Amino acid sequence: MKFKQVVCGGTFDHFHRGHRQFLDFVLSHGEKVTIGVTDEEMIKNKEYANEIESYRVRRKNVAIYISSKDKKIKIQKIHSLFGPTLSEKKFDAIVVTDETKKGADLINRKRIELGMEPLKVIIAPYAYAEDGERISSKRIREGGIDREGNVYYRLLISRDKLVMPESLRLALRLPLGCVISSFSSLPLAKMEEIMGSAKQSIQGKSRFHIAIGDMVTYHLKKIGIIPSISVIDGKSQRKALKSDILQEITEKDSQYALNEKGAIGRGAIEKLNNLLILGHTKAPQQLFIQGEEDLLTLPAILLSPLGANVWYGQRRKGAICVKVTEKKKQKVYNLLKRFV
């Protein structure tokens, strides 16, 4: 059944396959459609709010998608749950999901109070990722999936271990992020940026720090950055750490896992993923590797939330700080698909 004027609303952050399916569903139910896009104030308390795109970007992505549709469509900035629904009498239906239906019920109660006709509530189906869970912007921001619903964790645990092919050795020597040759010579602006992220992690915001390697963990602590998660093996350049340094970096409740040199073991991945699920609102977490931890930088980047900082060391270069982005995740995803 088609309605004359249909309204819908959403954040439309990190515009994904679920958004495309939702808008197609909305357009199939109305001759004229009004799409509300939430302003910055409405999204400030969402999880990983720091990584939500600006209103301008979100609106642009919606506009690009609907530009090829042969419909009368209006995009409107909304500042509250009600949007234009209490001022526009010509609306006759509203499209929501199961999660947002309660909002439509509130809108209808208010419309009735104002002497307006209630809207017909239409429930749109969800789009699902390859793990059977629904695709959402939150899952993208927290680092679990991409915009098409590919689940990063599934690739990592698809085999008992992923072995680095010799053909990738040179590629993996190229730094994945910003090279910091010496912590003591960090530019003031860079230091303030990093420390700002550290403070945000303490407050439970989206950005936090993951350190891969003993000496990287040690030096971060020396400059006042306590990694939310550290992965160590008690060695530096394959030599046992001095006892005082090991004591300095060891956390109280470490988890342990085996991981072979030149490989990424399923057990280590499962432990690392569990630590990431615990989040960064608790005390610092640590994974102590029996074997070698170097290649765990790759799954740390792939599984981390957007905006996280993943640190690792590289011989003759220093420390590498990787700001986790969708583009960076895609690069690592493509590298890991070449492991054997």
C-alpha atoms as a PDB file:
ATOM      1  CA  MET A   1       0.000   0.000   0.000  1.00  0.00           C
ATOM      2  CA  LYS A   2       1.302   3.448  -0.910  1.00  0.00           C
ATOM      3  CA  PHE A   3       0.713   6.597   1.110  1.00  0.00           C
ATOM      4  CA  LYS A   4       0.666  10.168  -0.168  1.00  0.00           C
ATOM      5  CA  GLN A   5       3.237  11.560   2.275  1.00  0.00           C
ATOM      6  CA  VAL A   6       5.603   9.389   4.298  1.00  0.00           C
ATOM      7  CA  VAL A   7       8.121  10.584   6.863  1.00  0.00           C
ATOM      8  CA  CYS A   8      11.142   8.857   8.413  1.00  0.00           C
ATOM      9  CA  GLY A   9      14.182   9.884  10.401  1.00  0.00           C
ATOM     10  CA  GLY A  10      17.608   8.685  11.411  1.00  0.00           C
ATOM     11  CA  THR A  11      21.236   9.522  12.084  1.00  0.00           C
ATOM     12  CA  PHE A  12      22.526   7.874   8.875  1.00  0.00           C
ATOM     13  CA  ASP A  13      26.058   7.732  10.264  1.00  0.00           C
ATOM     14  CA  HIS A  14      28.664   5.837   8.197  1.00  0.00           C
ATOM     15  CA  PHE A  15      26.044   5.289   5.492  1.00  0.00           C
ATOM     16  CA  HIS A  16      25.815   1.505   5.071  1.00  0.00           C
ATOM     17  CA  ARG A  17      23.876  -1.255   3.346  1.00  0.00           C
ATOM     18  CA  GLY A  18      21.185  -1.149   6.037  1.00  0.00           C
ATOM     19  CA  HIS A  19      20.561   2.526   5.311  1.00  0.00           C
ATOM     20  CA  ARG A  20      20.208   1.825   1.602  1.00  0.00           C
ATOM     21  CA  GLN A  21      17.702  -0.943   2.285  1.00  0.00           C
ATOM     22  CA  PHE A  22      15.770   1.246   4.748  1.00  0.00           C
ATOM     23  CA  LEU A  23      15.469   4.174   2.335  1.00  0.00           C
ATOM     24  CA  ASP A  24      14.425   1.884  -0.518  1.00  0.00           C
ATOM     25  CA  PHE A  25      11.685   0.525   1.761  1.00  0.00           C
ATOM     26  CA  VAL A  26      10.556   4.056   2.701  1.00  0.00           C
ATOM     27  CA  LEU A  27      10.456   5.177  -0.935  1.00  0.00           C
ATOM     28  CA  SER A  28       8.385   2.146  -1.900  1.00  0.00           C
ATOM     29  CA  HIS A  29       5.650   3.202   0.538  1.00  0.00           C
ATOM     30  CA  GLY A  30       5.188   6.873  -0.276  1.00  0.00           C
ATOM     31  CA  GLU A  31       4.462   9.123  -3.232  1.00  0.00           C
ATOM     32  CA  LYS A  32       6.217  11.957  -1.400  1.00  0.00           C
ATOM     33  CA  VAL A  33       8.876  11.340   1.252  1.00  0.00           C
ATOM     34  CA  THR A  34      10.439  13.507   3.951  1.00  0.00           C
ATOM     35  CA  ILE A  35      13.695  12.228   5.463  1.00  0.00           C
ATOM     36  CA  GLY A  36      14.795  13.675   8.791  1.00  0.00           C
ATOM     37  CA  VAL A  37      18.523  13.668   9.586  1.00  0.00           C
ATOM     38  CA  THR A  38      19.451  14.239  13.235  1.00  0.00           C
ATOM     39  CA  ASP A  39      21.527  17.239  14.246  1.00  0.00           C
ATOM     40  CA  GLU A  40      24.715  17.049  16.352  1.00  0.00           C
ATOM     41  CA  GLU A  41      22.872  17.683  19.609  1.00  0.00           C
ATOM     42  CA  MET A  42      20.692  14.605  19.184  1.00  0.00           C
ATOM     43  CA  ILE A  43      23.638  12.227  18.756  1.00  0.00           C
ATOM     44  CA  LYS A  44      26.045  13.505  21.405  1.00  0.00           C
ATOM     45  CA  ASN A  45      25.158  10.743  23.909  1.00  0.00           C
ATOM     46  CA  LYS A  46      25.364   7.828  21.488  1.00  0.00           C
ATOM     47  CA  GLU A  47      28.123   5.248  21.947  1.00  0.00           C
ATOM     48  CA  TYR A  48      31.404   6.219  20.286  1.00  0.00           C
ATOM     49  CA  ALA A  49      29.885   9.642  19.617  1.00  0.00           C
ATOM     50  CA  ASN A  50      33.328  11.093  18.825  1.00  0.00           C
ATOM     51  CA  GLU A  51      33.386   9.002  15.652  1.00  0.00           C
ATOM     52  CA  ILE A  52      29.934   9.939  14.369  1.00  0.00           C
ATOM     53  CA  GLU A  53      30.203  11.899  11.142  1.00  0.00           C
ATOM     54  CA  SER A  54      29.116  15.536  10.985  1.00  0.00           C
ATOM     55  CA  TYR A  55      25.575  16.452   9.992  1.00  0.00           C
ATOM     56  CA  ARG A  56      26.910  17.809   6.682  1.00  0.00           C
ATOM     57  CA  VAL A  57      28.547  14.472   5.770  1.00  0.00           C
ATOM     58  CA  ARG A  58      25.554  12.400   6.850  1.00  0.00           C
ATOM     59  CA  ARG A  59      23.084  14.566   4.937  1.00  0.00           C
ATOM     60  CA  LYS A  60      25.303  14.511   1.849  1.00  0.00           C
ATOM     61  CA  ASN A  61      25.457  10.701   1.859  1.00  0.00           C
ATOM     62  CA  VAL A  62      21.661  10.469   2.034  1.00  0.00           C
ATOM     63  CA  ALA A  63      21.310  13.057  -0.749  1.00  0.00           C
ATOM     64  CA  ILE A  64      23.733  11.200  -3.020  1.00  0.00           C
ATOM     65  CA  TYR A  65      21.867   7.923  -2.577  1.00  0.00           C
ATOM     66  CA  ILE A  66      18.398   9.328  -3.263  1.00  0.00           C
ATOM     67  CA  SER A  67      19.541  11.551  -6.157  1.00  0.00           C
ATOM     68  CA  SER A  68      18.868   8.799  -8.684  1.00  0.00           C
ATOM     69  CA  LYS A  69      15.391   8.028  -7.337  1.00  0.00           C
ATOM     70  CA  ASP A  70      12.373   9.213  -9.301  1.00  0.00           C
ATOM     71  CA  LYS A  71      10.517  10.581  -6.283  1.00  0.00           C
ATOM     72  CA  LYS A  72       9.586  13.831  -4.597  1.00  0.00           C
ATOM     73  CA  ILE A  73      11.953  13.696  -1.652  1.00  0.00           C
ATOM     74  CA  LYS A  74      12.807  16.291   0.976  1.00  0.00           C
ATOM     75  CA  ILE A  75      15.705  16.040   3.430  1.00  0.00           C
ATOM     76  CA  GLN A  76      15.226  17.990   6.638  1.00  0.00           C
ATOM     77  CA  LYS A  77      17.456  18.600   9.640  1.00  0.00           C
ATOM     78  CA  ILE A  78      15.713  17.518  12.825  1.00  0.00           C
ATOM     79  CA  HIS A  79      16.451  18.725  16.349  1.00  0.00           C
ATOM     80  CA  SER A  80      14.230  16.337  18.312  1.00  0.00           C
ATOM     81  CA  LEU A  81      12.410  13.032  18.085  1.00  0.00           C
ATOM     82  CA  PHE A  82       9.319  14.799  16.702  1.00  0.00           C
ATOM     83  CA  GLY A  83      11.000  16.570  13.806  1.00  0.00           C
ATOM     84  CA  PRO A  84       8.334  17.996  11.462  1.00  0.00           C
ATOM     85  CA  THR A  85       5.635  15.498  12.516  1.00  0.00           C
ATOM     86  CA  LEU A  86       3.814  17.924  14.836  1.00  0.00           C
ATOM     87  CA  SER A  87       3.636  20.747  12.315  1.00  0.00           C
ATOM     88  CA  GLU A  88       2.931  18.889   9.059  1.00  0.00           C
ATOM     89  CA  LYS A  89      -0.680  17.694   8.882  1.00  0.00           C
ATOM     90  CA  LYS A  90      -0.310  16.126   5.455  1.00  0.00           C
ATOM     91  CA  PHE A  91       1.887  13.258   6.651  1.00  0.00           C
ATOM     92  CA  ASP A  92      -0.105  10.042   6.751  1.00  0.00           C
ATOM     93  CA  ALA A  93       2.543   7.409   7.560  1.00  0.00           C
ATOM     94  CA  ILE A  94       5.874   7.075   9.346  1.00  0.00           C
ATOM     95  CA  VAL A  95       8.471   4.366   8.678  1.00  0.00           C
ATOM     96  CA  VAL A  96      10.509   3.072  11.637  1.00  0.00           C
ATOM     97  CA  THR A  97      12.327  -0.067  12.759  1.00  0.00           C
ATOM     98  CA  ASP A  98      11.473  -2.305  15.699  1.00  0.00           C
ATOM     99  CA  GLU A  99      14.066  -0.383  17.712  1.00  0.00           C
ATOM    100  CA  THR A 100      12.555   3.044  16.989  1.00  0.00           C
ATOM    101  CA  LYS A 101       8.839   2.124  17.038  1.00  0.00           C
ATOM    102  CA  LYS A 102       8.440   3.529  20.558  1.00  0.00           C
ATOM    103  CA  GLY A 103       9.397   6.928  19.131  1.00  0.00           C
ATOM    104  CA  ALA A 104       6.575   6.677  16.586  1.00  0.00           C
ATOM    105  CA  ASP A 105       4.162   5.835  19.415  1.00  0.00           C
ATOM    106  CA  LEU A 106       5.216   9.003  21.271  1.00  0.00           C
ATOM    107  CA  ILE A 107       4.747  11.053  18.112  1.00  0.00           C
ATOM    108  CA  ASN A 108       1.221   9.700  17.628  1.00  0.00           C
ATOM    109  CA  ARG A 109       0.235  10.374  21.221  1.00  0.00           C
ATOM    110  CA  LYS A 110       1.390  13.963  20.842  1.00  0.00           C
ATOM    111  CA  ARG A 111      -0.403  14.369  17.498  1.00  0.00           C
ATOM    112  CA  ILE A 112      -3.657  13.161  19.068  1.00  0.00           C
ATOM    113  CA  GLU A 113      -3.203  15.650  21.938  1.00  0.00           C
ATOM    114  CA  LEU A 114      -2.845  18.412  19.348  1.00  0.00           C
ATOM    115  CA  GLY A 115      -5.979  17.289  17.505  1.00  0.00           C
ATOM    116  CA  MET A 116      -4.075  15.778  14.572  1.00  0.00           C
ATOM    117  CA  GLU A 117      -4.612  12.410  12.917  1.00  0.00           C
ATOM    118  CA  PRO A 118      -2.177   9.683  14.098  1.00  0.00           C
ATOM    119  CA  LEU A 119       0.276   8.389  11.537  1.00  0.00           C
ATOM    120  CA  LYS A 120       0.192   4.870  10.148  1.00  0.00           C
ATOM    121  CA  VAL A 121       3.278   3.157  11.611  1.00  0.00           C
ATOM    122  CA  ILE A 122       5.189   0.959   9.134  1.00  0.00           C
ATOM    123  CA  ILE A 123       8.004  -1.295  10.373  1.00  0.00           C
ATOM    124  CA  ALA A 124      10.973  -1.623   8.033  1.00  0.00           C
ATOM    125  CA  PRO A 125      13.036  -4.847   8.070  1.00  0.00           C
ATOM    126  CA  TYR A 126      16.665  -4.874   9.159  1.00  0.00           C
ATOM    127  CA  ALA A 127      19.670  -5.663   6.998  1.00  0.00           C
ATOM    128  CA  TYR A 128      21.963  -8.316   8.463  1.00  0.00           C
ATOM    129  CA  ALA A 129      25.726  -8.786   8.554  1.00  0.00           C
ATOM    130  CA  GLU A 130      27.373 -12.114   7.707  1.00  0.00           C
ATOM    131  CA  ASP A 131      27.134 -13.214  11.355  1.00  0.00           C
ATOM    132  CA  GLY A 132      23.338 -12.918  11.352  1.00  0.00           C
ATOM    133  CA  GLU A 133      23.327  -9.799  13.543  1.00  0.00           C
ATOM    134  CA  ARG A 134      21.913  -6.583  12.146  1.00  0.00           C
ATOM    135  CA  ILE A 135      24.120  -4.009  10.476  1.00  0.00           C
ATOM    136  CA  SER A 136      24.307  -0.780  12.450  1.00  0.00           C
ATOM    137  CA  SER A 137      26.407   2.361  12.532  1.00  0.00           C
ATOM    138  CA  LYS A 138      27.308   1.551  16.131  1.00  0.00           C
ATOM    139  CA  ARG A 139      28.863  -1.769  15.091  1.00  0.00           C
ATOM    140  CA  ILE A 140      30.895   0.055  12.446  1.00  0.00           C
ATOM    141  CA  ARG A 141      32.089   2.676  14.949  1.00  0.00           C
ATOM    142  CA  GLU A 142      33.020   0.056  17.516  1.00  0.00           C
ATOM    143  CA  GLY A 143      35.098  -1.676  14.868  1.00  0.00           C
ATOM    144  CA  GLY A 144      33.327  -5.004  14.378  1.00  0.00           C
ATOM    145  CA  ILE A 145      32.058  -4.750  10.804  1.00  0.00           C
ATOM    146  CA  ASP A 146      32.394  -2.731   7.613  1.00  0.00           C
ATOM    147  CA  ARG A 147      29.582  -0.913   5.817  1.00  0.00           C
ATOM    148  CA  GLU A 148      28.593  -3.994   3.817  1.00  0.00           C
ATOM    149  CA  GLY A 149      28.318  -6.218   6.891  1.00  0.00           C
ATOM    150  CA  ASN A 150      31.610  -8.097   6.619  1.00  0.00           C
ATOM    151  CA  VAL A 151      32.617  -9.252  10.112  1.00  0.00           C
ATOM    152  CA  TYR A 152      36.339  -8.793  10.744  1.00  0.00           C
ATOM    153  CA  TYR A 153      36.521 -11.358  13.560  1.00  0.00           C
ATOM    154  CA  ARG A 154      35.241 -14.145  11.297  1.00  0.00           C
ATOM    155  CA  LEU A 155      38.240 -13.784   8.992  1.00  0.00           C
ATOM    156  CA  LEU A 156      40.662 -13.942  11.915  1.00  0.00           C
ATOM    157  CA  ILE A 157      39.252 -17.134  13.422  1.00  0.00           C
ATOM    158  CA  SER A 158      38.521 -18.873  10.116  1.00  0.00           C
ATOM    159  CA  ARG A 159      41.572 -21.109  10.695  1.00  0.00           C
ATOM    160  CA  ASP A 160      43.607 -22.288  13.683  1.00  0.00           C
ATOM    161  CA  LYS A 161      46.356 -19.908  12.656  1.00  0.00           C
ATOM    162  CA  LEU A 162      47.128 -17.414   9.923  1.00  0.00           C
ATOM    163  CA  VAL A 163      50.711 -17.647   8.663  1.00  0.00           C
ATOM    164  CA  MET A 164      52.430 -14.657   7.094  1.00  0.00           C
ATOM    165  CA  PRO A 165      53.569 -15.460   3.535  1.00  0.00           C
ATOM    166  CA  GLU A 166      57.126 -14.510   2.634  1.00  0.00           C
ATOM    167  CA  SER A 167      55.761 -12.270  -0.121  1.00  0.00           C
ATOM    168  CA  LEU A 168      54.327  -9.906   2.517  1.00  0.00           C
ATOM    169  CA  ARG A 169      57.498  -9.458   4.533  1.00  0.00           C
ATOM    170  CA  LEU A 170      58.603  -6.283   2.750  1.00  0.00           C
ATOM    171  CA  ALA A 171      55.070  -4.822   2.710  1.00  0.00           C
ATOM    172  CA  LEU A 172      54.753  -5.264   6.467  1.00  0.00           C
ATOM    173  CA  ARG A 173      58.004  -3.402   7.048  1.00  0.00           C
ATOM    174  CA  LEU A 174      56.329  -0.233   5.801  1.00  0.00           C
ATOM    175  CA  PRO A 175      54.919   1.735   8.760  1.00  0.00           C
ATOM    176  CA  LEU A 176      51.134   1.574   9.027  1.00  0.00           C
ATOM    177  CA  GLY A 177      50.921   4.914  10.823  1.00  0.00           C
ATOM    178  CA  CYS A 178      52.839   7.897  12.156  1.00  0.00           C
ATOM    179  CA  VAL A 179      56.512   7.189  12.945  1.00  0.00           C
ATOM    180  CA  ILE A 180      57.767   8.509  16.280  1.00  0.00           C
ATOM    181  CA  SER A 181      61.519   8.049  16.428  1.00  0.00           C
ATOM    182  CA  SER A 182      61.766   9.209  20.028  1.00  0.00           C
ATOM    183  CA  PHE A 183      59.094   9.788  22.665  1.00  0.00           C
ATOM    184  CA  SER A 184      61.247  12.477  24.264  1.00  0.00           C
ATOM    185  CA  SER A 185      61.317  14.490  21.016  1.00  0.00           C
ATOM    186  CA  LEU A 186      57.590  14.431  20.305  1.00  0.00           C
ATOM    187  CA  PRO A 187      56.370  17.816  18.991  1.00  0.00           C
ATOM    188  CA  LEU A 188      54.238  19.670  21.537  1.00  0.00           C
ATOM    189  CA  ALA A 189      51.177  19.668  19.255  1.00  0.00           C
ATOM    190  CA  LYS A 190      51.437  15.897  18.710  1.00  0.00           C
ATOM    191  CA  MET A 191      51.905  15.310  22.421  1.00  0.00           C
ATOM    192  CA  GLU A 192      48.808  17.354  23.244  1.00  0.00           C
ATOM    193  CA  GLU A 193      46.806  15.432  20.637  1.00  0.00           C
ATOM    194  CA  ILE A 194      47.928  12.090  22.074  1.00  0.00           C
ATOM    195  CA  MET A 195      47.368  13.128  25.677  1.00  0.00           C
ATOM    196  CA  GLY A 196      43.936  14.412  24.733  1.00  0.00           C
ATOM    197  CA  SER A 197      43.082  10.960  23.419  1.00  0.00           C
ATOM    198  CA  ALA A 198      44.440   9.431  26.625  1.00  0.00           C
ATOM    199  CA  LYS A 199      42.157  11.609  28.739  1.00  0.00           C
ATOM    200  CA  GLN A 200      39.201  10.705  26.551  1.00  0.00           C
ATOM    201  CA  SER A 201      39.905   6.998  27.047  1.00  0.00           C
ATOM    202  CA  ILE A 202      39.814   7.431  30.816  1.00  0.00           C
ATOM    203  CA  GLN A 203      36.427   9.110  30.498  1.00  0.00           C
ATOM    204  CA  GLY A 204      35.082   6.160  28.540  1.00  0.00           C
ATOM    205  CA  LYS A 205      34.962   7.883  25.162  1.00  0.00           C
ATOM    206  CA  SER A 206      35.709   6.126  21.917  1.00  0.00           C
ATOM    207  CA  ARG A 207      39.425   6.802  21.602  1.00  0.00           C
ATOM    208  CA  PHE A 208      41.823   4.684  23.562  1.00  0.00           C
ATOM    209  CA  HIS A 209      45.294   3.221  23.303  1.00  0.00           C
ATOM    210  CA  ILE A 210      46.426  -0.320  22.545  1.00  0.00           C
ATOM    211  CA  ALA A 211      50.130  -1.080  22.857  1.00  0.00           C
ATOM    212  CA  ILE A 212      51.683  -4.056  21.051  1.00  0.00           C
ATOM    213  CA  GLY A 213      55.136  -4.735  22.435  1.00  0.00           C
ATOM    214  CA  ASP A 214      56.988  -4.469  25.721  1.00  0.00           C
ATOM    215  CA  MET A 215      59.121  -1.390  25.106  1.00  0.00           C
ATOM    216  CA  VAL A 216      56.286   0.530  23.453  1.00  0.00           C
ATOM    217  CA  THR A 217      54.174  -0.175  26.542  1.00  0.00           C
ATOM    218  CA  TYR A 218      57.048   0.924  28.771  1.00  0.00           C
ATOM    219  CA  HIS A 219      57.651   4.222  26.963  1.00  0.00           C
ATOM    220  CA  LEU A 220      53.957   5.088  26.762  1.00  0.00           C
ATOM    221  CA  LYS A 221      53.678   4.668  30.519  1.00  0.00           C
ATOM    222  CA  LYS A 222      56.749   6.861  31.004  1.00  0.00           C
ATOM    223  CA  ILE A 223      55.058   9.785  29.246  1.00  0.00           C
ATOM    224  CA  GLY A 224      51.805   9.316  31.160  1.00  0.00           C
ATOM    225  CA  ILE A 225      49.747   7.272  28.694  1.00  0.00           C
ATOM    226  CA  ILE A 226      48.444   4.076  30.274  1.00  0.00           C
ATOM    227  CA  PRO A 227      47.350   1.726  27.471  1.00  0.00           C
ATOM    228  CA  SER A 228      43.846   0.382  27.912  1.00  0.00           C
ATOM    229  CA  ILE A 229      45.155  -2.872  26.444  1.00  0.00           C
ATOM    230  CA  SER A 230      48.780  -3.954  26.198  1.00  0.00           C
ATOM    231  CA  VAL A 231      50.149  -7.062  24.499  1.00  0.00           C
ATOM    232  CA  ILE A 232      53.616  -8.118  25.695  1.00  0.00           C
ATOM    233  CA  ASP A 233      55.860 -11.189  25.612  1.00  0.00           C
ATOM    234  CA  GLY A 234      58.536 -10.330  28.210  1.00  0.00           C
ATOM    235  CA  LYS A 235      61.145  -9.733  25.516  1.00  0.00           C
ATOM    236  CA  SER A 236      62.668  -6.910  23.500  1.00  0.00           C
ATOM    237  CA  GLN A 237      64.277  -7.795  20.157  1.00  0.00           C
ATOM    238  CA  ARG A 238      63.907 -11.440  21.217  1.00  0.00           C
ATOM    239  CA  LYS A 239      65.953 -10.946  24.404  1.00  0.00           C
ATOM    240  CA  ALA A 240      64.450 -11.254  27.879  1.00  0.00           C
ATOM    241  CA  LEU A 241      63.515  -7.927  29.459  1.00  0.00           C
ATOM    242  CA  LYS A 242      65.298  -6.677  32.541  1.00  0.00           C
ATOM    243  CA  SER A 243      63.282  -7.556  35.625  1.00  0.00           C
ATOM    244  CA  ASP A 244      62.671  -3.912  36.631  1.00  0.00           C
ATOM    245  CA  ILE A 245      61.222  -3.037  33.189  1.00  0.00           C
ATOM    246  CA  LEU A 246      59.063  -6.164  33.131  1.00  0.00           C
ATOM    247  CA  GLN A 247      57.756  -5.316  36.584  1.00  0.00           C
ATOM    248  CA  GLU A 248      56.988  -1.767  35.422  1.00  0.00           C
ATOM    249  CA  ILE A 249      54.811  -2.871  32.509  1.00  0.00           C
ATOM    250  CA  THR A 250      53.103  -5.959  33.961  1.00  0.00           C
ATOM    251  CA  GLU A 251      49.477  -5.488  34.970  1.00  0.00           C
ATOM    252  CA  LYS A 252      47.878  -7.316  37.889  1.00  0.00           C
ATOM    253  CA  ASP A 253      45.435  -9.485  35.966  1.00  0.00           C
ATOM    254  CA  SER A 254      47.144 -10.561  32.750  1.00  0.00           C
ATOM    255  CA  GLN A 255      45.676 -13.140  30.400  1.00  0.00           C
ATOM    256  CA  TYR A 256      47.965 -15.592  28.608  1.00  0.00           C
ATOM    257  CA  ALA A 257      48.024 -17.048  25.098  1.00  0.00           C
ATOM    258  CA  LEU A 258      50.389 -18.915  22.790  1.00  0.00           C
ATOM    259  CA  ASN A 259      51.384 -17.340  19.495  1.00  0.00           C
ATOM    260  CA  GLU A 260      54.019 -18.636  17.081  1.00  0.00           C
ATOM    261  CA  LYS A 261      56.599 -16.468  15.369  1.00  0.00           C
ATOM    262  CA  GLY A 262      55.433 -15.366  11.912  1.00  0.00           C
ATOM    263  CA  ALA A 263      51.824 -16.332  12.604  1.00  0.00           C
ATOM    264  CA  ILE A 264      48.597 -15.169  14.223  1.00  0.00           C
ATOM    265  CA  GLY A 265      47.085 -17.885  16.381  1.00  0.00           C
ATOM    266  CA  ARG A 266      43.359 -18.340  16.893  1.00  0.00           C
ATOM    267  CA  GLY A 267      43.776 -18.570  20.682  1.00  0.00           C
ATOM    268  CA  ALA A 268      45.595 -15.218  20.823  1.00  0.00           C
ATOM    269  CA  ILE A 269      42.877 -13.642  18.645  1.00  0.00           C
ATOM    270  CA  GLU A 270      40.121 -14.920  20.918  1.00  0.00           C
ATOM    271  CA  LYS A 271      41.863 -13.526  23.999  1.00  0.00           C
ATOM    272  CA  LEU A 272      42.544 -10.164  22.351  1.00  0.00           C
ATOM    273  CA  ASN A 273      38.946  -9.907  21.154  1.00  0.00           C
ATOM    274  CA  ASN A 274      37.685 -10.672  24.672  1.00  0.00           C
ATOM    275  CA  LEU A 275      39.775  -7.814  26.044  1.00  0.00           C
ATOM    276  CA  LEU A 276      38.350  -5.454  23.429  1.00  0.00           C
ATOM    277  CA  ILE A 277      34.812  -6.555  24.306  1.00  0.00           C
ATOM    278  CA  LEU A 278      35.544  -5.713  27.946  1.00  0.00           C
ATOM    279  CA  GLY A 279      36.147  -2.215  26.675  1.00  0.00           C
ATOM    280  CA  HIS A 280      38.236   0.548  28.145  1.00  0.00           C
ATOM    281  CA  THR A 281      36.077   1.627  31.049  1.00  0.00           C
ATOM    282  CA  LYS A 282      37.721  -0.873  33.393  1.00  0.00           C
ATOM    283  CA  ALA A 283      41.278  -1.154  34.687  1.00  0.00           C
ATOM    284  CA  PRO A 284      44.021  -1.620  32.065  1.00  0.00           C
ATOM    285  CA  GLN A 285      43.912  -5.046  30.437  1.00  0.00           C
ATOM    286  CA  GLN A 286      46.912  -7.103  29.352  1.00  0.00           C
ATOM    287  CA  LEU A 287      47.628 -10.118  27.154  1.00  0.00           C
ATOM    288  CA  PHE A 288      50.927 -11.905  27.862  1.00  0.00           C
ATOM    289  CA  ILE A 289      52.063 -13.868  24.832  1.00  0.00           C
ATOM    290  CA  GLN A 290      54.143 -17.007  25.108  1.00  0.00           C
ATOM    291  CA  GLY A 291      55.973 -16.895  21.791  1.00  0.00           C
ATOM    292  CA  GLU A 292      55.956 -13.678  19.767  1.00  0.00           C
ATOM    293  CA  GLU A 293      53.464 -10.824  19.678  1.00  0.00           C
ATOM    294  CA  ASP A 294      54.640  -8.759  16.683  1.00  0.00           C
ATOM    295  CA  LEU A 295      51.957  -9.708  14.158  1.00  0.00           C
ATOM    296  CA  LEU A 296      49.145  -9.129  16.639  1.00  0.00           C
ATOM    297  CA  THR A 297      49.340  -5.474  15.609  1.00  0.00           C
ATOM    298  CA  LEU A 298      47.253  -6.387  12.555  1.00  0.00           C
ATOM    299  CA  PRO A 299      44.257  -7.918  14.370  1.00  0.00           C
ATOM    300  CA  ALA A 300      44.488  -5.156  16.994  1.00  0.00           C
ATOM    301  CA  ILE A 301      43.918  -2.584  14.238  1.00  0.00           C
ATOM    302  CA  LEU A 302      41.218  -4.669  12.581  1.00  0.00           C
ATOM    303  CA  LEU A 303      39.213  -5.253  15.779  1.00  0.00           C
ATOM    304  CA  SER A 304      39.626  -1.845  17.450  1.00  0.00           C
ATOM    305  CA  PRO A 305      36.992   0.911  17.487  1.00  0.00           C
ATOM    306  CA  LEU A 306      37.325   3.744  15.018  1.00  0.00           C
ATOM    307  CA  GLY A 307      39.466   6.491  16.510  1.00  0.00           C
ATOM    308  CA  ALA A 308      41.565   4.164  18.662  1.00  0.00           C
ATOM    309  CA  ASN A 309      45.348   4.506  18.677  1.00  0.00           C
ATOM    310  CA  VAL A 310      47.270   1.261  18.133  1.00  0.00           C
ATOM    311  CA  TRP A 311      50.982   1.498  18.974  1.00  0.00           C
ATOM    312  CA  TYR A 312      53.727  -0.898  17.946  1.00  0.00           C
ATOM    313  CA  GLY A 313      57.501  -0.824  17.613  1.00  0.00           C
ATOM    314  CA  GLN A 314      59.586  -1.225  14.512  1.00  0.00           C
ATOM    315  CA  ARG A 315      63.322  -1.891  14.537  1.00  0.00           C
ATOM    316  CA  ARG A 316      65.450   1.057  13.394  1.00  0.00           C
ATOM    317  CA  LYS A 317      62.374   3.266  13.067  1.00  0.00           C
ATOM    318  CA  GLY A 318      60.960   3.672  16.588  1.00  0.00           C
ATOM    319  CA  ALA A 319      57.322   3.624  17.619  1.00  0.00           C
ATOM    320  CA  ILE A 320      54.436   3.643  15.132  1.00  0.00           C
ATOM    321  CA  CYS A 321      51.108   5.183  16.132  1.00  0.00           C
ATOM    322  CA  VAL A 322      48.177   3.999  14.010  1.00  0.00           C
ATOM    323  CA  LYS A 323      44.976   6.032  14.213  1.00  0.00           C
ATOM    324  CA  VAL A 324      42.283   3.456  13.413  1.00  0.00           C
ATOM    325  CA  THR A 325      40.070   4.465  10.492  1.00  0.00           C
ATOM    326  CA  GLU A 326      37.854   2.563   8.058  1.00  0.00           C
ATOM    327  CA  LYS A 327      40.505   2.988   5.382  1.00  0.00           C
ATOM    328  CA  LYS A 328      43.199   1.593   7.679  1.00  0.00           C
ATOM    329  CA  LYS A 329      40.991  -1.364   8.596  1.00  0.00           C
ATOM    330  CA  GLN A 330      40.376  -2.125   4.934  1.00  0.00           C
ATOM    331  CA  LYS A 331      44.115  -2.108   4.244  1.00  0.00           C
ATOM    332  CA  VAL A 332      44.779  -4.531   7.104  1.00  0.00           C
ATOM    333  CA  TYR A 333      41.793  -6.695   6.079  1.00  0.00           C
ATOM    334  CA  ASN A 334      43.242  -7.052   2.584  1.00  0.00           C
ATOM    335  CA  LEU A 335      46.674  -7.932   3.994  1.00  0.00           C
ATOM    336  CA  LEU A 336      45.257 -10.595   6.299  1.00  0.00           C
ATOM    337  CA  LYS A 337      43.287 -12.210   3.466  1.00  0.00           C
ATOM    338  CA  ARG A 338      46.684 -12.977   1.904  1.00  0.00           C
ATOM    339  CA  PHE A 339      47.881 -14.915   4.982  1.00  0.00           C
ATOM    340  CA  VAL A 340      47.944 -18.675   4.440  1.00  0.00           C
END
